[in-house]
């Protein structure tokens, strides 16, 4: 696994986690 591929993978996982966190906060506000 190349270094650039690792950075891209971490970026995708980080972005997905950030999106889920934002959605989670919005859902909690609606409750």
C-alpha atoms as a PDB file:
ATOM      1  CA  UNK A   1       0.000   0.000   0.000  1.00  0.00           C
ATOM      2  CA  UNK A   2       1.532   3.284  -1.108  1.00  0.00           C
ATOM      3  CA  UNK A   3       1.776   6.366   1.102  1.00  0.00           C
ATOM      4  CA  UNK A   4      -0.597   8.416  -1.093  1.00  0.00           C
ATOM      5  CA  UNK A   5      -3.203   5.639  -1.024  1.00  0.00           C
ATOM      6  CA  UNK A   6      -3.031   5.633   2.794  1.00  0.00           C
ATOM      7  CA  UNK A   7      -3.540   9.396   2.922  1.00  0.00           C
ATOM      8  CA  UNK A   8      -6.531   9.157   0.568  1.00  0.00           C
ATOM      9  CA  UNK A   9      -8.051   6.333   2.640  1.00  0.00           C
ATOM     10  CA  UNK A  10      -7.642   8.313   5.870  1.00  0.00           C
ATOM     11  CA  UNK A  11      -9.159  11.363   4.160  1.00  0.00           C
ATOM     12  CA  UNK A  12     -12.206   9.391   3.015  1.00  0.00           C
ATOM     13  CA  UNK A  13     -12.715   7.828   6.463  1.00  0.00           C
ATOM     14  CA  UNK A  14     -12.224  11.198   8.166  1.00  0.00           C
ATOM     15  CA  UNK A  15     -14.694  12.880   5.817  1.00  0.00           C
ATOM     16  CA  UNK A  16     -17.305  10.169   6.372  1.00  0.00           C
ATOM     17  CA  UNK A  17     -16.871  10.419  10.151  1.00  0.00           C
ATOM     18  CA  UNK A  18     -17.234  14.207   9.992  1.00  0.00           C
ATOM     19  CA  UNK A  19     -20.431  13.944   7.905  1.00  0.00           C
ATOM     20  CA  UNK A  20     -21.898  11.374  10.317  1.00  0.00           C
ATOM     21  CA  UNK A  21     -21.012  13.636  13.267  1.00  0.00           C
ATOM     22  CA  UNK A  22     -22.756  16.632  11.659  1.00  0.00           C
ATOM     23  CA  UNK A  23     -25.870  14.556  10.860  1.00  0.00           C
ATOM     24  CA  UNK A  24     -25.873  13.149  14.413  1.00  0.00           C
ATOM     25  CA  UNK A  25     -25.799  16.671  15.891  1.00  0.00           C
ATOM     26  CA  UNK A  26     -28.659  17.807  13.622  1.00  0.00           C
ATOM     27  CA  UNK A  27     -30.762  14.790  14.610  1.00  0.00           C
ATOM     28  CA  UNK A  28     -30.160  15.460  18.312  1.00  0.00           C
ATOM     29  CA  UNK A  29     -31.247  19.103  17.863  1.00  0.00           C
ATOM     30  CA  UNK A  30     -34.520  17.983  16.260  1.00  0.00           C
ATOM     31  CA  UNK A  31     -35.411  15.728  19.209  1.00  0.00           C
END
